[in-house]
Amino acid sequence: MNKSNFIVFLTLINILIFLQFSSSVSVGTGVNSELEIEETISPPEIILCGNISMFDDYTEPWRNAGRNGNEPLVERINHNAFEGEQFIFTALITDEDGINNVKDVYVTVGDSPIQGNELEVNCNTDELSIINETIIDPSCNLDEDSDFEINDSLDSETQDYYLCVFTVETPESLYGLKYIGAEATDYNNLVDYIQIDQTPWYLNPIIALSVEGDIDFDNAKAGRDSYSPKITITNMADEGSGVIMDMFLSGTDFYNITEITDSCPTNLKLENFRYFAENLMNGYTSRDDLLIDTINENTILRDKDNEDYISIDYGIGFNNPEPFYENTEVIQAEPNIFNTGYGYNANILYPGEKMEVKFKFRTPSECRNSGRYNGLFYFWGENI
């Protein structure tokens, strides 16, 4: 093969290759295709705004709450509630299919922190506690994946606030540890659930005080002091209920129940009696008492004698005849700096905790004849 033939051969190959490439761009075919768009159905979303508030029926005022009308029950420290007390909270509901697609918002109560617990009460859009109903309130607990942000304008087409008010029912229907939640359901039967508190609430716990021992002054003699045996007061509330008792003591005059009245008075004034107390759980005693007293004409001045026995004030009912706070606590020691449900840390009893109390009586010097007198000492416990 000479040189010229070789060149021609390469040239023909190049042309064939070029022709093949050129013919390939003109080849094509059609493909049938379909596009189907499915209907999007969005579930409702429920978000808790702010914290849960508790309200009492305020048949009588507490230490702080209930003195100026409808106020949150700041006295309640632990998670327990009683018949007639109310849980109040606000929820933000969002439904991308339209707020009118929301069928119901309601409070649930049950034994487990899941949706599907028993429906207790419906929520509504009236009398809302949110300050500004045109924005996403800063108190709303938005999660990281939320499509909206705090202070965004409220979308009236897809969002609304609901006020939930749950009143605790009788112990026969609600008793023990319960989880309180809220659910939102729409007309597509889709549901969203929130637990309004991570800790369960003890509803309608049994509260009681036990008093062990007798108060008597069999060795009383004219002009001398006599002492009773110690008695023990125990908080007998349900174990696990968290019921804290703020303790108070009041009394009455003692009245003669015999016919001998020629030397002793017909009644012995309460001023003749005193007490010494010890909180067995924290070690505080009457020696530590701060002697705080809201003095008025119907009360006995709170003071101590040389043996640290405390005077006793009059009272036949709780806060009757006068408010008991700051004058009838059993032990006024270690003030509660948080100013919530009680005045003194030394004066409270958790379930199972105890106080010991011993009484002293100064027999009037004119009592030369024997006689018997009856009177009453009252121990009061306020659940906080």
Protein backbone atom coordinates (compact mmCIF):
# COMPACT_ATOMS: atom_id res chain seq x y z
CA MET A 1 0.00 0.00 0.00
CA ASN A 2 1.47 3.34 -1.05
CA LYS A 3 1.16 6.48 0.87
CA SER A 4 -1.66 8.01 -1.24
CA ASN A 5 -3.96 5.02 -0.81
CA PHE A 6 -3.48 5.09 2.90
CA ILE A 7 -4.54 8.71 3.05
CA VAL A 8 -7.68 8.08 1.04
CA PHE A 9 -8.69 5.20 3.28
CA LEU A 10 -8.50 7.32 6.41
CA THR A 11 -10.51 9.99 4.74
CA LEU A 12 -13.32 7.57 3.89
CA ILE A 13 -13.44 6.32 7.47
CA ASN A 14 -13.73 9.85 8.77
CA ILE A 15 -16.59 10.54 6.41
CA LEU A 16 -18.45 7.39 7.43
CA ILE A 17 -18.07 8.25 11.05
CA PHE A 18 -19.34 11.74 10.42
CA LEU A 19 -22.31 10.45 8.50
CA GLN A 20 -23.25 8.05 11.27
CA PHE A 21 -23.08 10.78 13.88
CA SER A 22 -25.11 13.14 11.73
CA SER A 23 -27.86 10.60 11.15
CA SER A 24 -28.25 9.84 14.92
CA VAL A 25 -29.59 13.31 15.85
CA SER A 26 -32.56 12.93 13.59
CA VAL A 27 -33.87 9.79 15.29
CA GLY A 28 -36.61 10.20 17.98
CA THR A 29 -39.72 8.63 19.49
CA GLY A 30 -42.64 9.74 21.77
CA VAL A 31 -43.44 8.44 25.32
CA ASN A 32 -46.93 8.56 26.81
CA SER A 33 -46.99 9.92 30.43
CA GLU A 34 -49.59 10.79 33.13
CA LEU A 35 -49.45 13.16 36.17
CA GLU A 36 -51.81 12.65 39.10
CA ILE A 37 -51.99 15.17 41.97
CA GLU A 38 -53.39 13.73 45.20
CA GLU A 39 -55.51 15.79 47.61
CA THR A 40 -53.49 16.95 50.65
CA ILE A 41 -55.22 16.55 54.02
CA SER A 42 -53.51 18.23 56.98
CA PRO A 43 -54.12 17.21 60.58
CA PRO A 44 -54.80 19.89 63.18
CA GLU A 45 -51.96 21.06 65.39
CA ILE A 46 -52.46 22.00 69.04
CA ILE A 47 -49.89 24.06 70.96
CA LEU A 48 -50.01 25.04 74.64
CA CYS A 49 -49.65 28.78 75.23
CA GLY A 50 -48.37 29.87 78.63
CA ASN A 51 -48.58 27.73 81.74
CA ILE A 52 -51.52 26.06 83.35
CA SER A 53 -53.20 28.16 86.04
CA MET A 54 -55.18 26.90 89.03
CA PHE A 55 -58.18 28.65 90.51
CA ASP A 56 -60.19 27.93 93.66
CA ASP A 57 -63.84 28.60 94.39
CA TYR A 58 -62.61 31.02 97.08
CA THR A 59 -65.25 30.28 99.67
CA GLU A 60 -62.65 31.68 102.05
CA PRO A 61 -59.41 33.53 101.35
CA TRP A 62 -56.01 31.87 101.42
CA ARG A 63 -52.85 33.44 102.76
CA ASN A 64 -52.24 35.26 99.47
CA ALA A 65 -54.85 34.26 96.88
CA GLY A 66 -58.55 34.99 96.92
CA ARG A 67 -58.38 38.28 98.77
CA ASN A 68 -58.96 40.43 95.70
CA GLY A 69 -61.31 38.26 93.66
CA ASN A 70 -60.52 35.81 90.90
CA GLU A 71 -56.78 35.15 91.27
CA PRO A 72 -54.56 32.14 90.50
CA LEU A 73 -54.15 29.73 93.40
CA VAL A 74 -50.48 30.44 94.09
CA GLU A 75 -50.76 28.54 97.38
CA ARG A 76 -50.75 25.17 95.64
CA ILE A 77 -47.14 24.00 95.52
CA ASN A 78 -47.38 20.36 94.44
CA HIS A 79 -49.41 18.62 91.77
CA ASN A 80 -52.68 17.96 93.57
CA ALA A 81 -56.16 19.39 93.14
CA PHE A 82 -59.58 19.01 94.73
CA GLU A 83 -63.22 19.01 93.77
CA GLY A 84 -64.32 22.44 92.54
CA GLU A 85 -60.81 23.68 91.76
CA GLN A 86 -60.09 24.60 88.14
CA PHE A 87 -57.30 24.15 85.62
CA ILE A 88 -57.26 26.95 83.03
CA PHE A 89 -54.99 27.17 79.98
CA THR A 90 -54.96 28.49 76.41
CA ALA A 91 -54.15 26.49 73.28
CA LEU A 92 -53.29 27.66 69.76
CA ILE A 93 -54.94 25.52 67.07
CA THR A 94 -53.68 25.42 63.47
CA ASP A 95 -55.32 23.53 60.61
CA GLU A 96 -53.95 24.09 57.09
CA ASP A 97 -57.25 22.85 55.68
CA GLY A 98 -58.92 25.82 57.38
CA ILE A 99 -59.79 26.61 60.96
CA ASN A 100 -63.42 25.82 60.16
CA ASN A 101 -62.29 22.24 59.55
CA VAL A 102 -61.59 21.90 63.29
CA LYS A 103 -64.42 19.90 64.78
CA ASP A 104 -63.59 20.04 68.48
CA VAL A 105 -60.96 20.97 71.08
CA TYR A 106 -61.29 19.38 74.50
CA VAL A 107 -59.54 18.49 77.76
CA THR A 108 -58.82 14.84 78.51
CA VAL A 109 -57.98 13.11 81.79
CA GLY A 110 -56.62 9.59 82.13
CA ASP A 111 -54.13 7.19 83.60
CA SER A 112 -51.53 7.46 80.79
CA PRO A 113 -49.77 10.36 79.03
CA ILE A 114 -51.28 9.46 75.64
CA GLN A 115 -54.15 10.63 73.48
CA GLY A 116 -57.46 8.90 73.71
CA ASN A 117 -58.05 9.49 77.44
CA GLU A 118 -61.54 10.30 78.64
CA LEU A 119 -62.99 13.58 77.40
CA GLU A 120 -63.80 15.87 80.31
CA VAL A 121 -64.74 19.27 78.91
CA ASN A 122 -64.82 21.17 75.61
CA CYS A 123 -62.64 24.22 75.03
CA ASN A 124 -63.97 27.35 73.35
CA THR A 125 -62.83 30.56 71.70
CA ASP A 126 -64.58 32.86 74.16
CA GLU A 127 -63.05 34.91 76.98
CA LEU A 128 -59.49 34.19 75.95
CA SER A 129 -56.62 34.82 78.32
CA ILE A 130 -54.17 35.68 75.49
CA ILE A 131 -53.31 39.37 75.64
CA ASN A 132 -52.98 39.96 71.89
CA GLU A 133 -55.18 37.74 69.74
CA THR A 134 -53.76 38.98 66.41
CA ILE A 135 -50.26 37.49 66.74
CA ILE A 136 -48.61 34.22 67.76
CA ASP A 137 -48.26 34.95 71.46
CA PRO A 138 -44.70 34.69 72.91
CA SER A 139 -46.00 32.26 75.53
CA CYS A 140 -46.89 29.62 72.91
CA ASN A 141 -44.57 26.62 73.02
CA LEU A 142 -43.58 26.33 69.36
CA ASP A 143 -41.28 23.47 68.38
CA GLU A 144 -38.25 23.73 66.11
CA ASP A 145 -40.14 22.36 63.10
CA SER A 146 -42.95 24.89 63.31
CA ASP A 147 -43.85 26.71 60.09
CA PHE A 148 -44.49 29.95 61.97
CA GLU A 149 -42.69 32.01 64.56
CA ILE A 150 -43.45 33.99 67.68
CA ASN A 151 -45.04 37.38 66.93
CA ASP A 152 -46.06 36.29 63.42
CA SER A 153 -49.50 37.56 62.51
CA LEU A 154 -52.23 35.11 63.39
CA ASP A 155 -53.72 33.63 60.22
CA SER A 156 -57.45 33.90 60.81
CA GLU A 157 -58.10 31.42 58.01
CA THR A 158 -56.11 28.58 59.58
CA GLN A 159 -55.46 29.53 63.26
CA ASP A 160 -57.36 30.38 66.41
CA TYR A 161 -56.94 30.38 70.19
CA TYR A 162 -59.03 28.17 72.46
CA LEU A 163 -59.58 28.63 76.19
CA CYS A 164 -59.78 25.39 78.19
CA VAL A 165 -61.35 25.33 81.66
CA PHE A 166 -61.39 21.99 83.48
CA THR A 167 -63.17 21.79 86.85
CA VAL A 168 -62.19 18.87 89.08
CA GLU A 169 -65.15 16.59 89.69
CA THR A 170 -66.05 14.56 92.77
CA PRO A 171 -63.74 11.87 94.20
CA GLU A 172 -66.23 9.25 93.03
CA SER A 173 -65.46 10.10 89.40
CA LEU A 174 -61.89 11.40 89.61
CA TYR A 175 -59.39 10.13 92.17
CA GLY A 176 -55.66 9.44 92.16
CA LEU A 177 -52.79 10.20 89.78
CA LYS A 178 -54.10 11.48 86.45
CA TYR A 179 -52.56 12.93 83.30
CA ILE A 180 -54.29 16.05 81.99
CA GLY A 181 -54.09 16.71 78.26
CA ALA A 182 -55.86 18.42 75.40
CA GLU A 183 -56.86 17.15 71.97
CA ALA A 184 -57.93 18.81 68.73
CA THR A 185 -59.89 16.82 66.14
CA ASP A 186 -61.09 17.82 62.68
CA TYR A 187 -63.82 16.70 60.30
CA ASN A 188 -61.35 14.32 58.63
CA ASN A 189 -61.13 12.47 61.98
CA LEU A 190 -57.48 13.49 62.39
CA VAL A 191 -56.35 14.22 65.95
CA ASP A 192 -53.47 16.03 67.65
CA TYR A 193 -52.71 15.72 71.38
CA ILE A 194 -50.65 17.61 73.95
CA GLN A 195 -49.95 16.79 77.57
CA ILE A 196 -50.33 20.06 79.44
CA ASP A 197 -47.97 19.05 82.23
CA GLN A 198 -45.23 16.42 82.19
CA THR A 199 -46.07 15.45 85.77
CA PRO A 200 -49.37 13.75 86.61
CA TRP A 201 -51.76 15.42 89.04
CA TYR A 202 -53.14 13.72 92.14
CA LEU A 203 -56.85 14.51 92.07
CA ASN A 204 -58.98 14.53 95.22
CA PRO A 205 -56.39 13.03 97.57
CA ILE A 206 -57.56 12.10 101.04
CA ILE A 207 -56.31 14.67 103.54
CA ALA A 208 -56.33 14.02 107.27
CA LEU A 209 -54.50 14.74 110.50
CA SER A 210 -54.07 12.18 113.26
CA VAL A 211 -53.62 13.16 116.90
CA GLU A 212 -52.08 10.56 119.19
CA GLY A 213 -52.14 11.06 122.94
CA ASP A 214 -54.31 12.73 125.54
CA ILE A 215 -54.16 16.24 126.93
CA ASP A 216 -54.77 16.31 130.67
CA PHE A 217 -53.43 18.20 133.67
CA ASP A 218 -54.23 15.80 136.50
CA ASN A 219 -51.44 17.17 138.68
CA ALA A 220 -52.57 20.80 138.53
CA LYS A 221 -52.10 22.74 141.79
CA ALA A 222 -52.98 26.28 142.71
CA GLY A 223 -50.41 28.86 141.57
CA ARG A 224 -48.19 26.27 139.87
CA ASP A 225 -47.44 25.08 136.36
CA SER A 226 -48.52 21.64 135.25
CA TYR A 227 -47.67 19.88 132.01
CA SER A 228 -49.56 17.53 129.72
CA PRO A 229 -48.03 14.46 128.10
CA LYS A 230 -46.71 14.95 124.57
CA ILE A 231 -49.14 14.43 121.75
CA THR A 232 -48.14 13.64 118.16
CA ILE A 233 -49.76 15.21 115.09
CA THR A 234 -49.22 13.40 111.77
CA ASN A 235 -50.08 14.40 108.22
CA MET A 236 -52.13 11.39 107.08
CA ALA A 237 -52.72 12.49 103.47
CA ASP A 238 -52.47 9.89 100.71
CA GLU A 239 -48.91 8.68 100.16
CA GLY A 240 -47.61 10.06 96.89
CA SER A 241 -50.17 12.86 96.78
CA GLY A 242 -47.67 15.58 97.71
CA VAL A 243 -50.24 17.17 100.04
CA ILE A 244 -48.33 19.60 102.27
CA MET A 245 -50.07 20.77 105.41
CA ASP A 246 -49.44 24.22 106.85
CA MET A 247 -50.11 23.78 110.57
CA PHE A 248 -52.06 26.04 112.95
CA LEU A 249 -53.19 25.86 116.59
CA SER A 250 -56.05 27.65 118.36
CA GLY A 251 -58.16 27.09 121.46
CA THR A 252 -61.03 28.12 123.72
CA ASP A 253 -61.49 28.98 127.34
CA PHE A 254 -62.02 26.04 129.73
CA TYR A 255 -65.35 25.76 131.53
CA ASN A 256 -66.16 24.27 134.93
CA ILE A 257 -68.12 21.00 134.67
CA THR A 258 -68.42 20.46 138.44
CA GLU A 259 -70.55 22.22 141.04
CA ILE A 260 -67.58 23.56 142.97
CA THR A 261 -67.23 27.23 142.05
CA ASP A 262 -66.54 28.96 145.38
CA SER A 263 -62.83 29.47 144.79
CA CYS A 264 -61.95 28.87 141.14
CA PRO A 265 -63.57 30.99 138.41
CA THR A 266 -66.37 29.43 136.41
CA ASN A 267 -64.10 29.43 133.39
CA LEU A 268 -60.35 29.37 132.96
CA LYS A 269 -59.07 31.83 130.36
CA LEU A 270 -57.04 30.55 127.44
CA GLU A 271 -54.25 32.88 128.54
CA ASN A 272 -53.48 30.30 131.26
CA PHE A 273 -52.38 27.73 128.65
CA ARG A 274 -49.25 27.51 126.51
CA TYR A 275 -47.55 24.94 124.31
CA PHE A 276 -44.13 23.79 123.16
CA ALA A 277 -43.84 22.21 119.70
CA GLU A 278 -41.19 20.36 117.72
CA ASN A 279 -41.22 19.49 114.02
CA LEU A 280 -39.71 16.00 114.05
CA MET A 281 -38.67 16.19 110.38
CA ASN A 282 -36.64 19.40 110.36
CA GLY A 283 -35.79 19.83 114.05
CA TYR A 284 -37.31 23.29 114.53
CA THR A 285 -38.97 23.93 117.89
CA SER A 286 -40.76 26.70 119.72
CA ARG A 287 -37.34 27.97 120.80
CA ASP A 288 -36.86 29.16 117.21
CA ASP A 289 -40.23 30.95 117.01
CA LEU A 290 -40.14 34.48 115.58
CA LEU A 291 -43.27 35.62 117.48
CA ILE A 292 -44.87 37.36 114.50
CA ASP A 293 -48.35 38.57 115.38
CA THR A 294 -51.09 40.50 113.60
CA ILE A 295 -52.37 42.08 116.79
CA ASN A 296 -55.96 43.21 117.14
CA GLU A 297 -58.43 43.46 119.98
CA ASN A 298 -59.68 39.88 119.55
CA THR A 299 -56.35 38.10 119.67
CA ILE A 300 -53.89 37.08 122.33
CA LEU A 301 -50.39 38.47 121.91
CA ARG A 302 -48.02 35.77 120.63
CA ASP A 303 -45.14 35.52 123.08
CA LYS A 304 -42.89 33.01 124.89
CA ASP A 305 -42.32 32.42 128.54
CA ASN A 306 -38.98 31.59 130.16
CA GLU A 307 -39.33 27.94 129.06
CA ASP A 308 -40.09 28.91 125.42
CA TYR A 309 -43.73 27.88 125.68
CA ILE A 310 -45.90 29.84 123.21
CA SER A 311 -49.21 31.53 123.94
CA ILE A 312 -52.38 30.20 122.25
CA ASP A 313 -54.86 32.34 120.34
CA TYR A 314 -58.63 31.96 120.18
CA GLY A 315 -60.25 30.12 117.29
CA ILE A 316 -63.16 27.71 116.80
CA GLY A 317 -62.93 27.44 113.00
CA PHE A 318 -60.22 27.97 110.46
CA ASN A 319 -59.77 31.75 110.16
CA ASN A 320 -62.54 32.11 112.71
CA PRO A 321 -62.82 34.53 114.38
CA GLU A 322 -59.77 36.12 112.72
CA PRO A 323 -57.42 35.13 109.87
CA PHE A 324 -54.91 32.65 111.26
CA TYR A 325 -51.96 33.79 109.19
CA GLU A 326 -49.14 35.46 111.13
CA ASN A 327 -50.51 34.70 114.57
CA THR A 328 -51.50 31.02 114.97
CA GLU A 329 -48.86 28.99 113.08
CA VAL A 330 -47.59 26.20 115.32
CA ILE A 331 -43.92 27.05 114.68
CA GLN A 332 -42.98 30.39 113.16
CA ALA A 333 -39.42 29.69 112.03
CA GLU A 334 -37.43 29.83 108.77
CA PRO A 335 -39.65 32.18 106.73
CA ASN A 336 -40.62 31.06 103.24
CA ILE A 337 -38.80 33.63 101.09
CA PHE A 338 -40.80 32.72 97.98
CA ASN A 339 -44.02 34.02 99.58
CA THR A 340 -46.16 31.35 97.95
CA GLY A 341 -48.45 29.01 99.84
CA TYR A 342 -47.10 29.20 103.36
CA GLY A 343 -45.24 31.43 105.74
CA TYR A 344 -42.63 29.23 107.45
CA ASN A 345 -40.65 26.18 106.37
CA ALA A 346 -40.59 24.94 109.98
CA ASN A 347 -44.39 24.82 110.06
CA ILE A 348 -45.20 22.42 107.20
CA LEU A 349 -45.72 18.65 107.15
CA TYR A 350 -45.46 16.38 104.13
CA PRO A 351 -47.45 13.11 104.11
CA GLY A 352 -46.28 10.95 106.99
CA GLU A 353 -44.38 13.73 108.77
CA LYS A 354 -45.00 14.56 112.43
CA MET A 355 -45.01 17.29 115.06
CA GLU A 356 -44.92 16.80 118.82
CA VAL A 357 -46.74 19.24 121.09
CA LYS A 358 -46.73 19.54 124.88
CA PHE A 359 -49.06 21.87 126.80
CA LYS A 360 -48.51 23.86 129.99
CA PHE A 361 -51.18 25.17 132.36
CA ARG A 362 -50.73 27.80 135.07
CA THR A 363 -53.39 27.13 137.72
CA PRO A 364 -54.80 30.37 139.18
CA SER A 365 -53.58 30.85 142.76
CA GLU A 366 -57.14 31.23 144.10
CA CYS A 367 -58.12 27.68 143.01
CA ARG A 368 -58.01 25.87 146.36
CA ASN A 369 -60.76 23.34 145.77
CA SER A 370 -60.72 20.47 143.32
CA GLY A 371 -62.73 20.73 140.14
CA ARG A 372 -62.93 19.61 136.54
CA TYR A 373 -62.83 21.85 133.50
CA ASN A 374 -63.33 21.12 129.83
CA GLY A 375 -62.01 23.11 126.89
CA LEU A 376 -60.79 22.62 123.34
CA PHE A 377 -57.52 22.88 121.49
CA TYR A 378 -57.79 22.78 117.70
CA PHE A 379 -55.12 21.68 115.26
CA TRP A 380 -55.65 22.91 111.73
CA GLY A 381 -53.91 21.88 108.55
CA GLU A 382 -54.26 23.90 105.35
CA ASN A 383 -53.36 22.04 102.17
CA ILE A 384 -50.87 24.07 100.14
